[in-house]
Amino acid sequence: MAAQPITPLPVPEPVAPLSEPERIINTFIAPSKTFTDLRLNASWWAPWLLIAIVSVAFAYAVDTKIGFRRVVENQIQQSPKASQRMEELPPDQREQRMASQAVGTRYFMYAFPLFMLIIYAILAGIYLGSFKFGANADLKYKTAFAVVVYASLPDLFRGLLAILSLFAGVVPDSFNLQNPVATNPAYFLQPANAPFFYGIASSLDIFRLWAVALTAIGLSYAGKVKKSTAFAIVFTWYVLLTLVFSGLGAMAS
């Protein structure tokens, strides 16, 4: 009897990589597509560029509508310790200190996109170690870094809302650079009254929580880890970092 011919299995067609605009859009409407694609190409420049543009635009809006001198004055008034130190200075030294802090704040705000890269790099390292040793994830540092950057895209909406509120007419005396728009409960609180709880309330920002959730989803797909595990790791770090920085802020206030 003649042998039956073997039918070759169909070869799956290669998946076309996403373009940068497709990645950015899918981060909001289909994040699994974006974060799976990062395993093929861990490019991160496009979302960072968008965030940087909005960040610089926000700095410009603060500069023109509030002024960094006013920003520094508000920050000092919100901190009893800073207010006391400033009051103890002679008038000429106080003026010099205020002017130098205003200039430093201006430079920092305009250069903030560069500092964000450092923050992204640190977070990527923390997540890489946690997912590698805690979940045996199939993850590379460059992929983790790209996930962190793409997951930060909700910051665009927070920045745009802050810019709109500035041009709509925010009262300069009540402007808080760290909390410029009412997207978390801390916006309605006074930092000096309970600085630790103010930090906790600030962490409940809707866009920040959105970014944390996207980070967990992204590392789940990029590292081939269960979503429940990814969410547990990412949110544990978020809670720990929130407690640490809230405590440091309370000690400095």
Protein backbone atom coordinates (compact mmCIF):
# COMPACT_ATOMS: atom_id res chain seq x y z
CA MET A 1 0.00 0.00 0.00
CA ALA A 2 1.35 3.39 -0.97
CA ALA A 3 2.19 5.71 1.93
CA GLN A 4 -0.18 8.57 2.43
CA PRO A 5 1.39 11.90 1.54
CA ILE A 6 2.20 14.05 4.55
CA THR A 7 0.47 17.38 4.42
CA PRO A 8 2.85 20.07 5.63
CA LEU A 9 1.61 22.21 8.47
CA PRO A 10 0.81 25.78 7.50
CA VAL A 11 3.55 28.22 8.39
CA PRO A 12 2.12 31.08 10.44
CA GLU A 13 2.60 34.47 8.88
CA PRO A 14 4.91 36.76 10.83
CA VAL A 15 3.13 39.39 12.88
CA ALA A 16 3.74 42.86 11.50
CA PRO A 17 5.26 45.18 14.11
CA LEU A 18 3.21 48.14 15.22
CA SER A 19 4.13 51.65 14.23
CA GLU A 20 4.85 54.20 16.95
CA PRO A 21 1.44 55.93 16.56
CA GLU A 22 -0.28 52.52 16.74
CA ARG A 23 1.63 51.68 19.91
CA ILE A 24 0.67 54.96 21.56
CA ILE A 25 -3.00 54.66 20.64
CA ASN A 26 -3.17 50.99 21.64
CA THR A 27 -1.68 51.81 25.03
CA PHE A 28 -5.07 53.33 25.85
CA ILE A 29 -7.48 51.12 23.88
CA ALA A 30 -5.66 47.77 23.52
CA PRO A 31 -2.62 47.74 25.82
CA SER A 32 -1.94 44.04 25.28
CA LYS A 33 -0.99 44.78 21.65
CA THR A 34 1.44 47.53 22.59
CA PHE A 35 3.17 45.70 25.42
CA THR A 36 3.42 42.43 23.48
CA ASP A 37 4.99 44.37 20.61
CA LEU A 38 7.62 45.76 22.98
CA ARG A 39 9.11 42.28 23.17
CA LEU A 40 10.01 42.65 19.49
CA ASN A 41 11.18 46.24 19.58
CA ALA A 42 11.71 48.03 22.88
CA SER A 43 11.74 51.52 21.40
CA TRP A 44 10.57 54.17 23.88
CA TRP A 45 11.42 57.56 22.34
CA ALA A 46 7.95 58.38 20.94
CA PRO A 47 5.96 58.31 24.21
CA TRP A 48 8.80 60.05 26.06
CA LEU A 49 8.85 62.80 23.44
CA LEU A 50 5.10 63.40 23.86
CA ILE A 51 5.41 63.48 27.63
CA ALA A 52 8.41 65.83 27.36
CA ILE A 53 6.50 68.25 25.11
CA VAL A 54 3.57 68.44 27.53
CA SER A 55 5.95 68.76 30.49
CA VAL A 56 7.77 71.72 28.91
CA ALA A 57 4.43 73.27 27.93
CA PHE A 58 3.30 72.97 31.55
CA ALA A 59 6.52 74.63 32.74
CA TYR A 60 5.92 77.47 30.28
CA ALA A 61 2.33 77.87 31.47
CA VAL A 62 3.49 78.06 35.10
CA ASP A 63 6.22 80.52 34.12
CA THR A 64 3.85 82.88 32.32
CA LYS A 65 0.67 82.55 34.40
CA ILE A 66 2.02 82.08 37.94
CA GLY A 67 5.73 82.83 37.94
CA PHE A 68 8.30 80.65 39.66
CA ARG A 69 8.88 83.26 42.35
CA ARG A 70 5.23 82.84 43.38
CA VAL A 71 5.60 79.06 43.14
CA VAL A 72 8.51 79.08 45.57
CA GLU A 73 6.69 81.41 47.95
CA ASN A 74 3.68 79.06 47.97
CA GLN A 75 5.90 76.05 48.63
CA ILE A 76 7.56 77.80 51.58
CA GLN A 77 4.20 78.83 53.04
CA GLN A 78 3.03 75.22 52.87
CA SER A 79 6.00 74.05 54.95
CA PRO A 80 6.26 75.33 58.55
CA LYS A 81 9.95 74.38 58.79
CA ALA A 82 10.81 76.13 55.52
CA SER A 83 8.84 79.20 56.59
CA GLN A 84 10.68 79.36 59.90
CA ARG A 85 14.09 79.03 58.26
CA MET A 86 13.22 81.78 55.81
CA GLU A 87 11.94 84.10 58.54
CA GLU A 88 15.18 83.70 60.49
CA LEU A 89 17.24 85.10 57.61
CA PRO A 90 18.04 88.82 57.30
CA PRO A 91 15.94 90.57 54.62
CA ASP A 92 18.76 90.74 52.05
CA GLN A 93 19.64 87.06 52.46
CA ARG A 94 15.96 86.13 52.36
CA GLU A 95 15.54 87.94 49.05
CA GLN A 96 18.67 86.32 47.66
CA ARG A 97 17.48 82.87 48.77
CA MET A 98 14.04 83.38 47.22
CA ALA A 99 15.53 84.55 43.93
CA SER A 100 17.97 81.64 43.70
CA GLN A 101 15.27 79.10 44.51
CA ALA A 102 12.98 80.59 41.88
CA VAL A 103 15.73 80.32 39.25
CA GLY A 104 16.56 76.77 40.32
CA THR A 105 12.90 75.75 40.15
CA ARG A 106 12.57 77.25 36.68
CA TYR A 107 15.60 75.33 35.36
CA PHE A 108 14.41 72.13 37.01
CA MET A 109 10.94 72.38 35.52
CA TYR A 110 12.15 72.99 31.99
CA ALA A 111 14.68 70.15 32.28
CA PHE A 112 12.23 67.80 34.01
CA PRO A 113 11.87 65.47 30.97
CA LEU A 114 15.54 64.55 31.41
CA PHE A 115 15.01 63.80 35.09
CA MET A 116 12.05 61.61 34.11
CA LEU A 117 14.44 59.36 32.19
CA ILE A 118 16.38 58.80 35.42
CA ILE A 119 13.15 57.98 37.26
CA TYR A 120 12.11 55.58 34.49
CA ALA A 121 15.53 53.91 34.60
CA ILE A 122 15.34 53.36 38.37
CA LEU A 123 11.80 51.99 38.21
CA ALA A 124 12.72 49.68 35.33
CA GLY A 125 15.59 48.28 37.39
CA ILE A 126 13.35 47.73 40.42
CA TYR A 127 10.71 45.96 38.34
CA LEU A 128 13.25 43.90 36.43
CA GLY A 129 14.76 42.53 39.64
CA SER A 130 11.37 41.92 41.22
CA PHE A 131 9.91 40.13 38.20
CA LYS A 132 13.07 38.14 37.49
CA PHE A 133 13.55 36.83 41.02
CA GLY A 134 9.96 36.97 42.22
CA ALA A 135 8.11 35.67 39.15
CA ASN A 136 10.81 34.14 36.92
CA ALA A 137 9.79 36.54 34.17
CA ASP A 138 11.17 36.37 30.64
CA LEU A 139 12.11 40.03 30.70
CA LYS A 140 14.99 42.23 29.62
CA TYR A 141 15.94 45.60 31.07
CA LYS A 142 15.35 47.50 27.83
CA THR A 143 11.87 45.99 27.59
CA ALA A 144 11.07 46.86 31.20
CA PHE A 145 12.27 50.42 30.55
CA ALA A 146 10.06 50.74 27.47
CA VAL A 147 7.07 49.40 29.43
CA VAL A 148 7.57 52.01 32.15
CA VAL A 149 7.75 54.82 29.58
CA TYR A 150 4.65 53.71 27.67
CA ALA A 151 2.75 53.14 30.91
CA SER A 152 3.45 56.78 31.82
CA LEU A 153 1.36 58.08 28.93
CA PRO A 154 -1.64 58.89 31.20
CA ASP A 155 0.55 61.72 32.53
CA LEU A 156 -0.27 63.48 29.26
CA PHE A 157 -3.87 63.99 30.35
CA ARG A 158 -2.90 65.24 33.79
CA GLY A 159 -0.44 67.68 32.25
CA LEU A 160 -2.94 68.94 29.69
CA LEU A 161 -5.59 69.45 32.36
CA ALA A 162 -3.09 71.40 34.45
CA ILE A 163 -2.21 73.60 31.47
CA LEU A 164 -5.89 74.27 30.74
CA SER A 165 -6.54 75.19 34.36
CA LEU A 166 -3.62 77.62 34.34
CA PHE A 167 -4.84 79.41 31.24
CA ALA A 168 -8.42 79.34 32.55
CA GLY A 169 -7.28 81.44 35.50
CA VAL A 170 -5.92 79.73 38.60
CA VAL A 171 -5.48 81.90 41.69
CA PRO A 172 -1.66 82.30 41.99
CA ASP A 173 -1.70 82.36 45.81
CA SER A 174 -3.29 78.91 46.00
CA PHE A 175 -1.31 77.25 43.21
CA ASN A 176 0.56 74.08 44.23
CA LEU A 177 3.18 72.90 41.75
CA GLN A 178 3.06 69.33 43.07
CA ASN A 179 -0.74 69.21 42.85
CA PRO A 180 -1.87 71.60 40.12
CA VAL A 181 -5.20 69.99 39.23
CA ALA A 182 -7.99 68.23 41.17
CA THR A 183 -7.27 64.64 40.17
CA ASN A 184 -6.67 63.35 43.70
CA PRO A 185 -8.00 64.03 47.22
CA ALA A 186 -4.85 65.91 48.28
CA TYR A 187 -5.78 68.80 46.00
CA PHE A 188 -8.43 69.77 48.56
CA LEU A 189 -6.09 69.49 51.56
CA GLN A 190 -3.45 71.74 53.10
CA PRO A 191 0.00 70.08 53.05
CA ALA A 192 1.08 71.76 56.30
CA ASN A 193 -1.81 70.32 58.31
CA ALA A 194 -0.96 66.64 57.86
CA PRO A 195 1.97 66.22 55.43
CA PHE A 196 2.14 62.42 55.72
CA PHE A 197 -1.54 61.93 54.89
CA TYR A 198 -1.22 64.59 52.21
CA GLY A 199 1.36 62.36 50.50
CA ILE A 200 -0.91 59.34 50.83
CA ALA A 201 -3.84 61.29 49.38
CA SER A 202 -1.67 62.49 46.50
CA SER A 203 -0.90 58.87 45.57
CA LEU A 204 -4.62 58.29 44.93
CA ASP A 205 -4.41 60.34 41.75
CA ILE A 206 -6.59 58.83 39.01
CA PHE A 207 -3.95 59.26 36.28
CA ARG A 208 -1.14 57.96 38.48
CA LEU A 209 -3.16 54.87 39.37
CA TRP A 210 -3.96 54.42 35.69
CA ALA A 211 -0.23 54.49 34.93
CA VAL A 212 0.49 51.96 37.69
CA ALA A 213 -2.18 49.62 36.31
CA LEU A 214 -0.74 49.97 32.81
CA THR A 215 2.70 49.14 34.19
CA ALA A 216 1.36 45.93 35.70
CA ILE A 217 -0.42 45.00 32.47
CA GLY A 218 2.65 45.85 30.43
CA LEU A 219 5.06 43.82 32.52
CA SER A 220 2.59 40.92 32.50
CA TYR A 221 2.58 40.75 28.70
CA ALA A 222 6.21 41.74 28.16
CA GLY A 223 7.50 39.34 30.81
CA LYS A 224 4.99 36.53 30.24
CA VAL A 225 3.76 36.66 33.83
CA LYS A 226 0.26 36.17 35.23
CA LYS A 227 -1.62 39.44 35.55
CA SER A 228 -2.44 38.78 39.19
CA THR A 229 1.25 38.34 39.95
CA ALA A 230 2.19 41.44 37.98
CA PHE A 231 -0.43 43.58 39.72
CA ALA A 232 0.67 42.29 43.13
CA ILE A 233 4.33 43.17 42.49
CA VAL A 234 3.73 46.58 40.92
CA PHE A 235 1.15 47.77 43.44
CA THR A 236 3.25 46.53 46.36
CA TRP A 237 6.12 48.69 45.16
CA TYR A 238 3.75 51.61 44.63
CA VAL A 239 2.46 51.37 48.19
CA LEU A 240 5.98 51.03 49.63
CA LEU A 241 7.35 53.98 47.67
CA THR A 242 4.32 56.06 48.59
CA LEU A 243 4.85 55.38 52.29
CA VAL A 244 8.57 56.15 52.07
CA PHE A 245 8.20 59.43 50.20
CA SER A 246 5.21 60.48 52.28
CA GLY A 247 7.28 59.91 55.40
CA LEU A 248 10.24 61.85 54.00
CA GLY A 249 7.92 64.67 53.01
CA ALA A 250 6.43 64.77 56.49
CA MET A 251 9.87 64.96 58.10
CA ALA A 252 10.91 67.81 55.80
CA SER A 253 7.72 69.84 56.33
